[in-house]
């Protein structure tokens, strides 16, 4: 890297998808462990909606097509 030049590392669309899939589960686990059920549903609903919107807004870096229609594979099985 040249002096004064900074490069930004970006997550690949596949890693972004995994983040969007795992964040709601982590939020659910933390909420279920520390909050009563009625209050735990609020952060879980926000996390799930946020992940869904994030997934819909993702675009292919090469062609610009929406990645929302590409299935995510779990253990070799597509959804």
PDB file of N, CA and C in Angstrom:
ATOM      1  N   UNK A   1       0.845  -1.166   0.000  1.00  0.00           N
ATOM      2  CA  UNK A   1       0.000   0.000   0.000  1.00  0.00           C
ATOM      3  C   UNK A   1       0.893   1.233   0.000  1.00  0.00           C
ATOM      4  N   UNK A   2       0.568   2.167  -0.841  1.00  0.00           N
ATOM      5  CA  UNK A   2       1.347   3.393  -0.915  1.00  0.00           C
ATOM      6  C   UNK A   2       1.041   4.277   0.279  1.00  0.00           C
ATOM      7  N   UNK A   3       1.950   5.192   0.561  1.00  0.00           N
ATOM      8  CA  UNK A   3       1.744   6.062   1.715  1.00  0.00           C
ATOM      9  C   UNK A   3       0.541   6.975   1.495  1.00  0.00           C
ATOM     10  N   UNK A   4      -0.288   7.069   2.504  1.00  0.00           N
ATOM     11  CA  UNK A   4      -1.453   7.933   2.441  1.00  0.00           C
ATOM     12  C   UNK A   4      -2.648   7.323   1.739  1.00  0.00           C
ATOM     13  N   UNK A   5      -2.489   6.190   1.101  1.00  0.00           N
ATOM     14  CA  UNK A   5      -3.595   5.564   0.372  1.00  0.00           C
ATOM     15  C   UNK A   5      -4.209   4.470   1.247  1.00  0.00           C
ATOM     16  N   UNK A   6      -5.488   4.572   1.435  1.00  0.00           N
ATOM     17  CA  UNK A   6      -6.195   3.561   2.226  1.00  0.00           C
ATOM     18  C   UNK A   6      -7.163   2.821   1.319  1.00  0.00           C
ATOM     19  N   UNK A   7      -7.219   1.541   1.502  1.00  0.00           N
ATOM     20  CA  UNK A   7      -8.174   0.757   0.726  1.00  0.00           C
ATOM     21  C   UNK A   7      -9.289   0.314   1.655  1.00  0.00           C
ATOM     22  N   UNK A   8     -10.496   0.307   1.142  1.00  0.00           N
ATOM     23  CA  UNK A   8     -11.652  -0.143   1.897  1.00  0.00           C
ATOM     24  C   UNK A   8     -11.913  -1.597   1.575  1.00  0.00           C
ATOM     25  N   UNK A   9     -11.976  -2.408   2.611  1.00  0.00           N
ATOM     26  CA  UNK A   9     -12.327  -3.807   2.405  1.00  0.00           C
ATOM     27  C   UNK A   9     -13.824  -3.940   2.541  1.00  0.00           C
ATOM     28  N   UNK A  10     -14.437  -4.523   1.555  1.00  0.00           N
ATOM     29  CA  UNK A  10     -15.881  -4.726   1.571  1.00  0.00           C
ATOM     30  C   UNK A  10     -16.164  -6.211   1.657  1.00  0.00           C
ATOM     31  N   UNK A  11     -17.269  -6.526   2.294  1.00  0.00           N
ATOM     32  CA  UNK A  11     -17.695  -7.919   2.353  1.00  0.00           C
ATOM     33  C   UNK A  11     -18.271  -8.330   1.005  1.00  0.00           C
ATOM     34  N   UNK A  12     -18.023  -9.561   0.632  1.00  0.00           N
ATOM     35  CA  UNK A  12     -18.604 -10.078  -0.595  1.00  0.00           C
ATOM     36  C   UNK A  12     -20.113 -10.227  -0.401  1.00  0.00           C
ATOM     37  N   UNK A  13     -20.884 -10.258  -1.488  1.00  0.00           N
ATOM     38  CA  UNK A  13     -22.333 -10.454  -1.346  1.00  0.00           C
ATOM     39  C   UNK A  13     -22.695 -11.734  -0.601  1.00  0.00           C
ATOM     40  N   UNK A  14     -21.913 -12.772  -0.766  1.00  0.00           N
ATOM     41  CA  UNK A  14     -22.194 -14.025  -0.059  1.00  0.00           C
ATOM     42  C   UNK A  14     -22.019 -13.850   1.447  1.00  0.00           C
ATOM     43  N   UNK A  15     -20.940 -13.182   1.863  1.00  0.00           N
ATOM     44  CA  UNK A  15     -20.732 -12.947   3.288  1.00  0.00           C
ATOM     45  C   UNK A  15     -21.786 -11.994   3.838  1.00  0.00           C
ATOM     46  N   UNK A  16     -22.186 -11.018   3.057  1.00  0.00           N
ATOM     47  CA  UNK A  16     -23.256 -10.112   3.480  1.00  0.00           C
ATOM     48  C   UNK A  16     -24.546 -10.894   3.702  1.00  0.00           C
ATOM     49  N   UNK A  17     -24.820 -11.863   2.839  1.00  0.00           N
ATOM     50  CA  UNK A  17     -26.022 -12.680   2.992  1.00  0.00           C
ATOM     51  C   UNK A  17     -25.974 -13.496   4.274  1.00  0.00           C
ATOM     52  N   UNK A  18     -24.824 -14.055   4.566  1.00  0.00           N
ATOM     53  CA  UNK A  18     -24.690 -14.825   5.794  1.00  0.00           C
ATOM     54  C   UNK A  18     -24.865 -13.936   7.019  1.00  0.00           C
ATOM     55  N   UNK A  19     -24.360 -12.723   6.951  1.00  0.00           N
ATOM     56  CA  UNK A  19     -24.550 -11.790   8.060  1.00  0.00           C
ATOM     57  C   UNK A  19     -26.039 -11.490   8.223  1.00  0.00           C
ATOM     58  N   UNK A  20     -26.728 -11.261   7.109  1.00  0.00           N
ATOM     59  CA  UNK A  20     -28.163 -10.955   7.158  1.00  0.00           C
ATOM     60  C   UNK A  20     -28.972 -12.135   7.673  1.00  0.00           C
ATOM     61  N   UNK A  21     -28.489 -13.340   7.497  1.00  0.00           N
ATOM     62  CA  UNK A  21     -29.206 -14.523   7.975  1.00  0.00           C
ATOM     63  C   UNK A  21     -28.903 -14.785   9.452  1.00  0.00           C
ATOM     64  N   UNK A  22     -27.666 -14.578   9.878  1.00  0.00           N
ATOM     65  CA  UNK A  22     -27.290 -14.937  11.244  1.00  0.00           C
ATOM     66  C   UNK A  22     -27.611 -13.865  12.282  1.00  0.00           C
ATOM     67  N   UNK A  23     -27.637 -12.605  11.910  1.00  0.00           N
ATOM     68  CA  UNK A  23     -27.889 -11.540  12.884  1.00  0.00           C
ATOM     69  C   UNK A  23     -29.248 -11.711  13.579  1.00  0.00           C
ATOM     70  N   UNK A  24     -30.347 -11.983  12.856  1.00  0.00           N
ATOM     71  CA  UNK A  24     -31.612 -12.176  13.588  1.00  0.00           C
ATOM     72  C   UNK A  24     -31.584 -13.339  14.579  1.00  0.00           C
ATOM     73  N   UNK A  25     -30.863 -14.402  14.260  1.00  0.00           N
ATOM     74  CA  UNK A  25     -30.775 -15.523  15.193  1.00  0.00           C
ATOM     75  C   UNK A  25     -29.992 -15.143  16.445  1.00  0.00           C
ATOM     76  N   UNK A  26     -28.928 -14.396  16.278  1.00  0.00           N
ATOM     77  CA  UNK A  26     -28.145 -13.950  17.432  1.00  0.00           C
ATOM     78  C   UNK A  26     -28.974 -12.992  18.287  1.00  0.00           C
ATOM     79  N   UNK A  27     -29.661 -12.068  17.641  1.00  0.00           N
ATOM     80  CA  UNK A  27     -30.525 -11.134  18.381  1.00  0.00           C
ATOM     81  C   UNK A  27     -31.607 -11.905  19.133  1.00  0.00           C
ATOM     82  N   UNK A  28     -32.187 -12.912  18.501  1.00  0.00           N
ATOM     83  CA  UNK A  28     -33.206 -13.728  19.165  1.00  0.00           C
ATOM     84  C   UNK A  28     -32.637 -14.429  20.392  1.00  0.00           C
ATOM     85  N   UNK A  29     -31.460 -15.017  20.253  1.00  0.00           N
ATOM     86  CA  UNK A  29     -30.860 -15.737  21.379  1.00  0.00           C
ATOM     87  C   UNK A  29     -30.577 -14.798  22.545  1.00  0.00           C
ATOM     88  N   UNK A  30     -30.034 -13.630  22.263  1.00  0.00           N
ATOM     89  CA  UNK A  30     -29.737 -12.670  23.327  1.00  0.00           C
ATOM     90  C   UNK A  30     -31.024 -12.143  23.949  1.00  0.00           C
ATOM     91  N   UNK A  31     -32.006 -11.817  23.104  1.00  0.00           N
ATOM     92  CA  UNK A  31     -33.279 -11.302  23.617  1.00  0.00           C
ATOM     93  C   UNK A  31     -34.005 -12.344  24.462  1.00  0.00           C
ATOM     94  N   UNK A  32     -34.008 -13.575  24.013  1.00  0.00           N
ATOM     95  CA  UNK A  32     -34.694 -14.630  24.752  1.00  0.00           C
ATOM     96  C   UNK A  32     -34.014 -14.909  26.086  1.00  0.00           C
ATOM     97  N   UNK A  33     -32.708 -14.711  26.146  1.00  0.00           N
ATOM     98  CA  UNK A  33     -31.980 -14.991  27.372  1.00  0.00           C
ATOM     99  C   UNK A  33     -32.159 -13.904  28.423  1.00  0.00           C
ATOM    100  N   UNK A  34     -32.294 -12.653  27.989  1.00  0.00           N
ATOM    101  CA  UNK A  34     -32.272 -11.560  28.951  1.00  0.00           C
ATOM    102  C   UNK A  34     -33.573 -10.777  29.104  1.00  0.00           C
ATOM    103  N   UNK A  35     -34.528 -10.958  28.209  1.00  0.00           N
ATOM    104  CA  UNK A  35     -35.761 -10.179  28.281  1.00  0.00           C
ATOM    105  C   UNK A  35     -36.971 -11.087  28.438  1.00  0.00           C
ATOM    106  N   UNK A  36     -38.046 -10.564  29.011  1.00  0.00           N
ATOM    107  CA  UNK A  36     -39.297 -11.329  29.016  1.00  0.00           C
ATOM    108  C   UNK A  36     -39.801 -11.506  27.586  1.00  0.00           C
ATOM    109  N   UNK A  37     -40.634 -12.499  27.371  1.00  0.00           N
ATOM    110  CA  UNK A  37     -41.068 -12.850  26.022  1.00  0.00           C
ATOM    111  C   UNK A  37     -41.716 -11.677  25.302  1.00  0.00           C
ATOM    112  N   UNK A  38     -42.578 -10.952  25.990  1.00  0.00           N
ATOM    113  CA  UNK A  38     -43.273  -9.837  25.323  1.00  0.00           C
ATOM    114  C   UNK A  38     -42.307  -8.759  24.865  1.00  0.00           C
ATOM    115  N   UNK A  39     -41.258  -8.495  25.628  1.00  0.00           N
ATOM    116  CA  UNK A  39     -40.266  -7.493  25.226  1.00  0.00           C
ATOM    117  C   UNK A  39     -39.242  -8.050  24.239  1.00  0.00           C
ATOM    118  N   UNK A  40     -38.998  -9.348  24.265  1.00  0.00           N
ATOM    119  CA  UNK A  40     -38.015  -9.962  23.370  1.00  0.00           C
ATOM    120  C   UNK A  40     -38.485  -9.955  21.924  1.00  0.00           C
ATOM    121  N   UNK A  41     -39.795  -9.919  21.717  1.00  0.00           N
ATOM    122  CA  UNK A  41     -40.315  -9.942  20.346  1.00  0.00           C
ATOM    123  C   UNK A  41     -40.014  -8.652  19.589  1.00  0.00           C
ATOM    124  N   UNK A  42     -39.866  -7.553  20.280  1.00  0.00           N
ATOM    125  CA  UNK A  42     -39.606  -6.274  19.615  1.00  0.00           C
ATOM    126  C   UNK A  42     -38.244  -6.263  18.917  1.00  0.00           C
ATOM    127  N   UNK A  43     -37.113  -6.540  19.603  1.00  0.00           N
ATOM    128  CA  UNK A  43     -35.834  -6.538  18.881  1.00  0.00           C
ATOM    129  C   UNK A  43     -35.739  -7.646  17.833  1.00  0.00           C
ATOM    130  N   UNK A  44     -36.410  -8.769  18.086  1.00  0.00           N
ATOM    131  CA  UNK A  44     -36.390  -9.853  17.098  1.00  0.00           C
ATOM    132  C   UNK A  44     -37.109  -9.417  15.824  1.00  0.00           C
ATOM    133  N   UNK A  45     -38.278  -8.793  15.967  1.00  0.00           N
ATOM    134  CA  UNK A  45     -39.021  -8.333  14.789  1.00  0.00           C
ATOM    135  C   UNK A  45     -38.242  -7.271  14.025  1.00  0.00           C
ATOM    136  N   UNK A  46     -37.611  -6.364  14.740  1.00  0.00           N
ATOM    137  CA  UNK A  46     -36.813  -5.315  14.076  1.00  0.00           C
ATOM    138  C   UNK A  46     -35.622  -5.935  13.346  1.00  0.00           C
ATOM    139  N   UNK A  47     -34.955  -6.906  13.962  1.00  0.00           N
ATOM    140  CA  UNK A  47     -33.799  -7.546  13.327  1.00  0.00           C
ATOM    141  C   UNK A  47     -34.210  -8.326  12.078  1.00  0.00           C
ATOM    142  N   UNK A  48     -35.333  -9.022  12.148  1.00  0.00           N
ATOM    143  CA  UNK A  48     -35.792  -9.807  10.993  1.00  0.00           C
ATOM    144  C   UNK A  48     -36.194  -8.876   9.845  1.00  0.00           C
ATOM    145  N   UNK A  49     -36.927  -7.815  10.159  1.00  0.00           N
ATOM    146  CA  UNK A  49     -37.309  -6.858   9.117  1.00  0.00           C
ATOM    147  C   UNK A  49     -36.093  -6.159   8.525  1.00  0.00           C
ATOM    148  N   UNK A  50     -35.153  -5.793   9.369  1.00  0.00           N
ATOM    149  CA  UNK A  50     -33.930  -5.152   8.885  1.00  0.00           C
ATOM    150  C   UNK A  50     -33.126  -6.074   7.978  1.00  0.00           C
ATOM    151  N   UNK A  51     -33.031  -7.346   8.349  1.00  0.00           N
ATOM    152  CA  UNK A  51     -32.308  -8.304   7.517  1.00  0.00           C
ATOM    153  C   UNK A  51     -33.006  -8.505   6.184  1.00  0.00           C
ATOM    154  N   UNK A  52     -34.342  -8.514   6.205  1.00  0.00           N
ATOM    155  CA  UNK A  52     -35.092  -8.671   4.956  1.00  0.00           C
ATOM    156  C   UNK A  52     -34.903  -7.491   4.023  1.00  0.00           C
ATOM    157  N   UNK A  53     -34.956  -6.293   4.575  1.00  0.00           N
ATOM    158  CA  UNK A  53     -34.740  -5.085   3.757  1.00  0.00           C
ATOM    159  C   UNK A  53     -33.308  -5.063   3.231  1.00  0.00           C
ATOM    160  N   UNK A  54     -32.348  -5.401   4.097  1.00  0.00           N
ATOM    161  CA  UNK A  54     -30.948  -5.449   3.683  1.00  0.00           C
ATOM    162  C   UNK A  54     -30.763  -6.423   2.524  1.00  0.00           C
ATOM    163  N   UNK A  55     -31.390  -7.586   2.633  1.00  0.00           N
ATOM    164  CA  UNK A  55     -31.283  -8.608   1.585  1.00  0.00           C
ATOM    165  C   UNK A  55     -31.914  -8.130   0.284  1.00  0.00           C
ATOM    166  N   UNK A  56     -33.039  -7.428   0.354  1.00  0.00           N
ATOM    167  CA  UNK A  56     -33.693  -6.938  -0.860  1.00  0.00           C
ATOM    168  C   UNK A  56     -32.885  -5.849  -1.548  1.00  0.00           C
ATOM    169  N   UNK A  57     -32.111  -5.082  -0.792  1.00  0.00           N
ATOM    170  CA  UNK A  57     -31.344  -3.975  -1.364  1.00  0.00           C
ATOM    171  C   UNK A  57     -29.973  -4.386  -1.895  1.00  0.00           C
ATOM    172  N   UNK A  58     -29.554  -5.617  -1.633  1.00  0.00           N
ATOM    173  CA  UNK A  58     -28.258  -6.070  -2.123  1.00  0.00           C
ATOM    174  C   UNK A  58     -28.253  -6.155  -3.636  1.00  0.00           C
ATOM    175  N   UNK A  59     -27.154  -5.760  -4.243  1.00  0.00           N
ATOM    176  CA  UNK A  59     -26.987  -5.817  -5.695  1.00  0.00           C
ATOM    177  C   UNK A  59     -25.689  -6.540  -6.033  1.00  0.00           C
ATOM    178  N   UNK A  60     -25.676  -7.199  -7.176  1.00  0.00           N
ATOM    179  CA  UNK A  60     -24.469  -7.853  -7.665  1.00  0.00           C
ATOM    180  C   UNK A  60     -23.451  -6.775  -8.010  1.00  0.00           C
ATOM    181  N   UNK A  61     -22.200  -6.917  -7.547  1.00  0.00           N
ATOM    182  CA  UNK A  61     -21.210  -5.899  -7.851  1.00  0.00           C
ATOM    183  C   UNK A  61     -20.819  -5.865  -9.326  1.00  0.00           C
ATOM    184  N   UNK A  62     -21.078  -6.938 -10.053  1.00  0.00           N
ATOM    185  CA  UNK A  62     -20.690  -7.008 -11.460  1.00  0.00           C
ATOM    186  C   UNK A  62     -21.801  -6.504 -12.372  1.00  0.00           C
ATOM    187  N   UNK A  63     -22.995  -7.073 -12.237  1.00  0.00           N
ATOM    188  CA  UNK A  63     -24.062  -6.744 -13.184  1.00  0.00           C
ATOM    189  C   UNK A  63     -25.134  -5.832 -12.603  1.00  0.00           C
ATOM    190  N   UNK A  64     -25.171  -5.655 -11.283  1.00  0.00           N
ATOM    191  CA  UNK A  64     -26.151  -4.783 -10.666  1.00  0.00           C
ATOM    192  C   UNK A  64     -27.522  -5.411 -10.457  1.00  0.00           C
ATOM    193  N   UNK A  65     -27.655  -6.711 -10.708  1.00  0.00           N
ATOM    194  CA  UNK A  65     -28.935  -7.397 -10.519  1.00  0.00           C
ATOM    195  C   UNK A  65     -29.201  -7.603  -9.024  1.00  0.00           C
ATOM    196  N   UNK A  66     -30.461  -7.671  -8.654  1.00  0.00           N
ATOM    197  CA  UNK A  66     -30.839  -7.878  -7.261  1.00  0.00           C
ATOM    198  C   UNK A  66     -30.447  -9.282  -6.810  1.00  0.00           C
ATOM    199  N   UNK A  67     -29.880  -9.369  -5.632  1.00  0.00           N
ATOM    200  CA  UNK A  67     -29.480 -10.664  -5.093  1.00  0.00           C
ATOM    201  C   UNK A  67     -30.578 -11.296  -4.241  1.00  0.00           C
ATOM    202  N   UNK A  68     -31.714 -10.625  -4.113  1.00  0.00           N
ATOM    203  CA  UNK A  68     -32.805 -11.146  -3.290  1.00  0.00           C
ATOM    204  C   UNK A  68     -33.385 -12.431  -3.869  1.00  0.00           C
ATOM    205  N   UNK A  69     -33.234 -12.639  -5.140  1.00  0.00           N
ATOM    206  CA  UNK A  69     -33.802 -13.830  -5.774  1.00  0.00           C
ATOM    207  C   UNK A  69     -32.843 -15.019  -5.796  1.00  0.00           C
ATOM    208  N   UNK A  70     -31.613 -14.808  -5.353  1.00  0.00           N
ATOM    209  CA  UNK A  70     -30.635 -15.889  -5.327  1.00  0.00           C
ATOM    210  C   UNK A  70     -30.793 -16.651  -4.014  1.00  0.00           C
ATOM    211  N   UNK A  71     -31.020 -17.966  -4.070  1.00  0.00           N
ATOM    212  CA  UNK A  71     -31.212 -18.716  -2.832  1.00  0.00           C
ATOM    213  C   UNK A  71     -29.915 -18.820  -2.033  1.00  0.00           C
ATOM    214  N   UNK A  72     -30.061 -18.873  -0.725  1.00  0.00           N
ATOM    215  CA  UNK A  72     -28.921 -19.071   0.171  1.00  0.00           C
ATOM    216  C   UNK A  72     -28.858 -20.554   0.490  1.00  0.00           C
ATOM    217  N   UNK A  73     -27.688 -21.140   0.354  1.00  0.00           N
ATOM    218  CA  UNK A  73     -27.542 -22.572   0.610  1.00  0.00           C
ATOM    219  C   UNK A  73     -27.176 -22.824   2.070  1.00  0.00           C
ATOM    220  N   UNK A  74     -27.885 -23.759   2.696  1.00  0.00           N
ATOM    221  CA  UNK A  74     -27.586 -24.212   4.037  1.00  0.00           C
ATOM    222  C   UNK A  74     -27.170 -25.669   3.947  1.00  0.00           C
ATOM    223  N   UNK A  75     -25.932 -25.931   4.256  1.00  0.00           N
ATOM    224  CA  UNK A  75     -25.399 -27.280   4.254  1.00  0.00           C
ATOM    225  C   UNK A  75     -25.636 -27.992   2.925  1.00  0.00           C
ATOM    226  N   UNK A  76     -25.423 -27.263   1.825  1.00  0.00           N
ATOM    227  CA  UNK A  76     -25.535 -27.839   0.501  1.00  0.00           C
ATOM    228  C   UNK A  76     -26.947 -27.894  -0.059  1.00  0.00           C
ATOM    229  N   UNK A  77     -27.918 -27.413   0.686  1.00  0.00           N
ATOM    230  CA  UNK A  77     -29.307 -27.433   0.218  1.00  0.00           C
ATOM    231  C   UNK A  77     -29.787 -26.006   0.032  1.00  0.00           C
ATOM    232  N   UNK A  78     -30.282 -25.702  -1.154  1.00  0.00           N
ATOM    233  CA  UNK A  78     -30.798 -24.374  -1.448  1.00  0.00           C
ATOM    234  C   UNK A  78     -32.186 -24.174  -0.885  1.00  0.00           C
ATOM    235  N   UNK A  79     -32.508 -22.933  -0.588  1.00  0.00           N
ATOM    236  CA  UNK A  79     -33.844 -22.649  -0.069  1.00  0.00           C
ATOM    237  C   UNK A  79     -34.756 -22.145  -1.160  1.00  0.00           C
TER     238      UNK A  79
END
